[in-house]
């Protein structure tokens, strides 16, 4: 699965553990451990990039600003507007490969022929939420980071969606789902993009391989009687698309029937015409 509709983002080239990318009119070089090939860096933008993220041998890293980079700039996709900035750990606030999933969710919502309630867990800066809102859904957006939820609200305002029916919640996703069970709240669609690893407020260790089954099982309990889809994304190397497909098949398909599919998601590389894999997605959907 790959998106081909970006105009403001481009993966120009990949080599020697790095991506050469265009974000609007800003050229960035960012590390990617999957890029194990050492192809020639013939594109001149490798030498004139705006900034490069350099990893530290002790962990983390820093941005080396080679030219003037705005503190915040904007890129657009499908009528949505996102605020972008150079952040710690090489991030910019958007994962462009996820556009294929935004498109999928929006199409399912538009074609549902009924009101759709969406739960977006680990919602980050809100791209999936905005796609669902624009398609006509009501959305509950949950993320544990106050800063990310504030950023998502800014993206909604930039996209002209601030007045749409959305709940912005700063909360632990698993605890929130359990409370929704007790309250009897249900959703027609769930989007979930959990982190591979993290720590809770009391030092609890979150490791996706260990937690995912229980989390999806809890989420199944807040699906409506006739759910539309369940979209699960992962960047964890140990969770192949087939593993996630099996998981959704057992937990969601076992209760609601329907069908399950999975695939790698990726970005086309302009210089080579090949696709850089960027994670995995599994989708359960009603027939």
Protein backbone atom coordinates (compact mmCIF):
# COMPACT_ATOMS: atom_id res chain seq x y z
CA UNK A 1 0.00 0.00 0.00
CA UNK A 2 1.37 3.39 -0.90
CA UNK A 3 0.00 6.86 -1.41
CA UNK A 4 0.49 8.63 -4.71
CA UNK A 5 -1.49 11.80 -4.04
CA UNK A 6 1.04 13.95 -2.19
CA UNK A 7 2.06 17.26 -3.75
CA UNK A 8 3.59 19.01 -0.73
CA UNK A 9 5.67 16.01 0.35
CA UNK A 10 8.17 13.99 -1.68
CA UNK A 11 10.63 11.24 -0.78
CA UNK A 12 13.32 12.24 -3.24
CA UNK A 13 16.05 9.67 -2.55
CA UNK A 14 17.35 7.17 0.02
CA UNK A 15 20.91 6.05 0.72
CA UNK A 16 23.33 5.15 3.52
CA UNK A 17 20.76 5.17 6.29
CA UNK A 18 19.15 8.48 5.30
CA UNK A 19 16.08 9.88 3.56
CA UNK A 20 16.20 12.98 1.36
CA UNK A 21 12.74 14.58 1.62
CA UNK A 22 10.84 17.66 0.47
CA UNK A 23 8.33 19.08 2.93
CA UNK A 24 6.70 21.92 1.03
CA UNK A 25 9.74 23.94 -0.04
CA UNK A 26 11.94 22.73 2.85
CA UNK A 27 14.44 19.95 2.10
CA UNK A 28 15.28 17.68 5.05
CA UNK A 29 17.64 14.76 5.52
CA UNK A 30 16.52 12.31 8.19
CA UNK A 31 17.92 8.96 9.36
CA UNK A 32 16.14 5.68 8.65
CA UNK A 33 17.72 2.41 9.87
CA UNK A 34 15.96 0.40 7.15
CA UNK A 35 17.99 2.11 4.43
CA UNK A 36 20.94 -0.30 4.40
CA UNK A 37 21.87 0.30 0.76
CA UNK A 38 24.67 2.68 -0.21
CA UNK A 39 23.55 3.92 -3.60
CA UNK A 40 25.22 7.03 -5.10
CA UNK A 41 23.85 10.32 -3.79
CA UNK A 42 23.66 11.91 -7.22
CA UNK A 43 20.80 14.32 -6.57
CA UNK A 44 22.24 17.77 -5.85
CA UNK A 45 19.72 18.34 -3.04
CA UNK A 46 21.78 16.03 -0.84
CA UNK A 47 24.32 18.87 -0.74
CA UNK A 48 21.91 21.81 -0.44
CA UNK A 49 19.34 20.51 2.08
CA UNK A 50 17.85 22.90 4.61
CA UNK A 51 18.54 20.69 7.63
CA UNK A 52 19.88 17.26 8.59
CA UNK A 53 19.04 15.26 11.69
CA UNK A 54 22.20 13.76 13.18
CA UNK A 55 21.96 10.87 15.59
CA UNK A 56 24.12 10.85 18.73
CA UNK A 57 26.14 7.78 19.69
CA UNK A 58 24.73 8.14 23.22
CA UNK A 59 21.11 8.20 22.00
CA UNK A 60 18.84 10.87 20.59
CA UNK A 61 20.38 13.45 18.32
CA UNK A 62 20.03 17.00 17.01
CA UNK A 63 19.09 18.99 13.92
CA UNK A 64 21.97 20.55 12.03
CA UNK A 65 20.42 23.64 10.42
CA UNK A 66 22.25 24.10 7.12
CA UNK A 67 19.96 26.90 5.94
CA UNK A 68 17.26 29.01 7.54
CA UNK A 69 14.31 26.77 8.43
CA UNK A 70 11.04 28.33 9.64
CA UNK A 71 10.11 27.38 13.22
CA UNK A 72 6.76 26.23 11.81
CA UNK A 73 5.56 25.86 8.22
CA UNK A 74 2.52 24.28 6.54
CA UNK A 75 1.93 21.49 4.06
CA UNK A 76 -1.36 20.33 2.55
CA UNK A 77 -2.93 17.05 1.56
CA UNK A 78 -6.39 16.50 0.11
CA UNK A 79 -7.81 19.74 1.46
CA UNK A 80 -6.20 19.27 4.87
CA UNK A 81 -3.51 21.57 6.25
CA UNK A 82 -0.81 20.46 8.68
CA UNK A 83 1.61 22.53 10.74
CA UNK A 84 5.14 21.12 10.42
CA UNK A 85 8.26 21.71 12.48
CA UNK A 86 11.60 20.04 13.19
CA UNK A 87 11.18 18.15 16.46
CA UNK A 88 13.32 15.92 18.64
CA UNK A 89 13.93 12.32 17.56
CA UNK A 90 13.89 13.39 13.86
CA UNK A 91 10.10 13.89 13.71
CA UNK A 92 8.14 16.67 11.95
CA UNK A 93 4.58 16.09 13.22
CA UNK A 94 3.29 14.07 10.25
CA UNK A 95 3.94 10.56 8.96
CA UNK A 96 3.27 11.04 5.23
CA UNK A 97 2.98 7.32 4.47
CA UNK A 98 -0.18 7.30 6.60
CA UNK A 99 -2.05 9.21 3.88
CA UNK A 100 -3.08 5.87 2.39
CA UNK A 101 -4.91 5.11 5.64
CA UNK A 102 -6.46 8.59 5.83
CA UNK A 103 -7.84 8.04 2.33
CA UNK A 104 -9.19 4.61 3.23
CA UNK A 105 -11.00 5.84 6.34
CA UNK A 106 -12.46 8.86 4.55
CA UNK A 107 -13.80 6.74 1.69
CA UNK A 108 -15.42 4.23 4.05
CA UNK A 109 -17.10 7.04 5.98
CA UNK A 110 -18.36 8.83 2.86
CA UNK A 111 -19.82 5.59 1.49
CA UNK A 112 -21.35 4.37 4.75
CA UNK A 113 -24.74 5.95 4.09
CA UNK A 114 -25.24 6.58 7.81
CA UNK A 115 -23.74 8.64 10.65
CA UNK A 116 -20.36 7.30 11.72
CA UNK A 117 -18.72 7.64 15.14
CA UNK A 118 -14.93 7.21 15.02
CA UNK A 119 -12.54 6.58 17.92
CA UNK A 120 -8.97 7.61 17.07
CA UNK A 121 -6.57 6.27 19.69
CA UNK A 122 -2.97 7.52 19.96
CA UNK A 123 -4.20 10.31 17.67
CA UNK A 124 -0.92 12.28 17.64
CA UNK A 125 -1.28 15.55 15.68
CA UNK A 126 -4.66 14.60 14.27
CA UNK A 127 -4.21 13.79 10.59
CA UNK A 128 -6.53 10.75 10.69
CA UNK A 129 -8.99 12.67 12.82
CA UNK A 130 -9.13 15.51 10.28
CA UNK A 131 -9.61 13.10 7.37
CA UNK A 132 -12.56 11.50 9.17
CA UNK A 133 -14.08 14.85 10.13
CA UNK A 134 -13.81 16.13 6.56
CA UNK A 135 -15.54 12.95 5.35
CA UNK A 136 -18.48 13.65 7.67
CA UNK A 137 -17.81 11.54 10.77
CA UNK A 138 -17.98 12.47 14.43
CA UNK A 139 -14.62 11.75 16.06
CA UNK A 140 -13.26 11.14 19.54
CA UNK A 141 -9.52 11.91 19.42
CA UNK A 142 -7.42 10.54 22.30
CA UNK A 143 -3.72 10.99 23.01
CA UNK A 144 -1.75 10.98 26.25
CA UNK A 145 0.27 14.08 25.25
CA UNK A 146 -1.29 17.45 25.96
CA UNK A 147 1.05 19.05 23.43
CA UNK A 148 0.05 16.67 20.66
CA UNK A 149 -3.66 17.22 21.27
CA UNK A 150 -3.10 21.00 21.17
CA UNK A 151 -1.22 20.58 17.88
CA UNK A 152 -4.08 18.48 16.49
CA UNK A 153 -6.52 21.28 17.35
CA UNK A 154 -4.29 23.74 15.50
CA UNK A 155 -4.28 21.48 12.44
CA UNK A 156 -8.08 21.27 12.59
CA UNK A 157 -8.33 25.07 12.67
CA UNK A 158 -5.87 25.41 9.77
CA UNK A 159 -7.99 22.90 7.80
CA UNK A 160 -11.25 24.77 8.43
CA UNK A 161 -12.57 21.93 10.61
CA UNK A 162 -12.55 23.57 14.04
CA UNK A 163 -16.36 23.61 14.18
CA UNK A 164 -16.80 19.94 13.29
CA UNK A 165 -18.08 17.41 15.89
CA UNK A 166 -14.91 16.23 17.65
CA UNK A 167 -13.89 15.53 21.24
CA UNK A 168 -10.25 16.30 21.99
CA UNK A 169 -9.10 14.23 24.98
CA UNK A 170 -5.76 14.06 26.81
CA UNK A 171 -5.89 10.61 28.34
CA UNK A 172 -4.31 7.17 28.61
CA UNK A 173 -5.87 5.27 25.72
CA UNK A 174 -6.35 1.93 27.46
CA UNK A 175 -7.85 3.50 30.58
CA UNK A 176 -10.13 5.64 28.43
CA UNK A 177 -11.44 2.60 26.54
CA UNK A 178 -12.25 0.84 29.82
CA UNK A 179 -14.17 3.88 31.04
CA UNK A 180 -16.09 4.00 27.75
CA UNK A 181 -17.09 0.38 28.33
CA UNK A 182 -18.53 1.27 31.73
CA UNK A 183 -20.32 4.28 30.26
CA UNK A 184 -21.81 2.18 27.47
CA UNK A 185 -20.36 4.36 24.71
CA UNK A 186 -19.74 2.68 21.35
CA UNK A 187 -18.09 3.56 18.04
CA UNK A 188 -18.61 2.49 14.45
CA UNK A 189 -14.92 2.66 13.57
CA UNK A 190 -11.63 2.55 15.47
CA UNK A 191 -8.26 3.81 14.28
CA UNK A 192 -5.26 2.83 16.35
CA UNK A 193 -1.59 3.75 15.81
CA UNK A 194 0.09 2.80 19.10
CA UNK A 195 3.76 3.45 19.91
CA UNK A 196 6.25 0.60 19.83
CA UNK A 197 7.63 1.45 23.25
CA UNK A 198 7.00 3.91 26.05
CA UNK A 199 6.65 4.54 29.75
CA UNK A 200 3.57 5.44 31.72
CA UNK A 201 3.29 8.22 34.34
CA UNK A 202 4.37 5.83 37.11
CA UNK A 203 7.24 4.29 35.17
CA UNK A 204 5.21 1.46 33.68
CA UNK A 205 6.86 0.00 30.58
CA UNK A 206 4.75 -0.14 27.41
CA UNK A 207 5.93 -2.67 24.83
CA UNK A 208 3.55 -3.07 21.94
CA UNK A 209 4.16 -6.78 21.32
CA UNK A 210 3.16 -7.49 24.93
CA UNK A 211 0.21 -5.09 25.16
CA UNK A 212 -1.47 -5.14 21.76
CA UNK A 213 -3.66 -8.23 22.13
CA UNK A 214 -5.19 -7.01 25.39
CA UNK A 215 -5.67 -3.49 24.01
CA UNK A 216 -7.46 -4.63 20.85
CA UNK A 217 -9.59 -6.99 22.94
CA UNK A 218 -10.70 -4.06 25.11
CA UNK A 219 -11.45 -1.96 22.02
CA UNK A 220 -13.70 -4.65 20.55
CA UNK A 221 -15.99 -4.08 23.53
CA UNK A 222 -16.68 -0.47 22.46
CA UNK A 223 -17.55 -1.27 18.85
CA UNK A 224 -21.17 -0.67 17.87
CA UNK A 225 -23.53 -3.47 16.83
CA UNK A 226 -22.74 -2.85 13.16
CA UNK A 227 -19.16 -1.53 13.03
CA UNK A 228 -17.68 -0.20 9.82
CA UNK A 229 -13.92 -0.78 10.18
CA UNK A 230 -11.03 -1.27 12.58
CA UNK A 231 -7.69 0.08 11.33
CA UNK A 232 -4.52 -0.95 13.17
CA UNK A 233 -1.10 0.49 12.30
CA UNK A 234 2.33 -0.42 13.64
CA UNK A 235 5.96 0.56 13.17
CA UNK A 236 7.18 -2.30 15.36
CA UNK A 237 9.51 -4.60 13.43
CA UNK A 238 8.34 -7.67 15.36
CA UNK A 239 4.72 -7.24 14.27
CA UNK A 240 4.39 -8.26 10.64
CA UNK A 241 1.28 -7.37 8.63
CA UNK A 242 0.22 -11.04 8.77
CA UNK A 243 0.47 -11.10 12.57
CA UNK A 244 -1.74 -8.03 12.90
CA UNK A 245 -4.18 -9.43 10.35
CA UNK A 246 -4.44 -12.63 12.35
CA UNK A 247 -5.01 -10.63 15.56
CA UNK A 248 -7.87 -8.60 14.06
CA UNK A 249 -9.30 -11.74 12.49
CA UNK A 250 -9.44 -13.51 15.84
CA UNK A 251 -10.71 -10.62 17.95
CA UNK A 252 -12.84 -8.52 15.59
CA UNK A 253 -13.69 -10.97 12.84
CA UNK A 254 -14.47 -13.64 15.40
CA UNK A 255 -17.24 -11.46 16.78
CA UNK A 256 -18.49 -9.51 13.76
CA UNK A 257 -17.54 -11.60 10.73
CA UNK A 258 -16.46 -9.32 7.89
CA UNK A 259 -13.04 -9.54 6.26
CA UNK A 260 -9.47 -8.72 7.25
CA UNK A 261 -6.53 -7.60 5.11
CA UNK A 262 -3.02 -6.36 5.75
CA UNK A 263 -0.01 -4.96 3.96
CA UNK A 264 3.14 -2.94 4.34
CA UNK A 265 2.67 0.76 3.79
CA UNK A 266 5.34 2.73 2.01
CA UNK A 267 6.45 5.81 0.14
CA UNK A 268 7.52 5.95 -3.51
CA UNK A 269 11.12 7.13 -4.00
CA UNK A 270 11.40 9.60 -6.88
CA UNK A 271 15.00 8.83 -7.84
CA UNK A 272 14.54 5.06 -8.17
CA UNK A 273 10.83 4.47 -8.66
CA UNK A 274 10.96 1.92 -5.83
CA UNK A 275 9.00 1.95 -2.58
CA UNK A 276 10.48 2.47 0.89
CA UNK A 277 8.56 0.36 3.46
CA UNK A 278 7.35 2.49 6.36
CA UNK A 279 5.34 0.23 8.63
CA UNK A 280 2.41 -2.14 8.55
CA UNK A 281 -1.35 -1.78 8.51
CA UNK A 282 -4.09 -4.34 9.12
CA UNK A 283 -7.75 -3.55 8.52
CA UNK A 284 -10.92 -5.33 9.55
CA UNK A 285 -14.01 -4.17 7.65
CA UNK A 286 -17.63 -5.19 7.44
CA UNK A 287 -18.74 -6.90 4.25
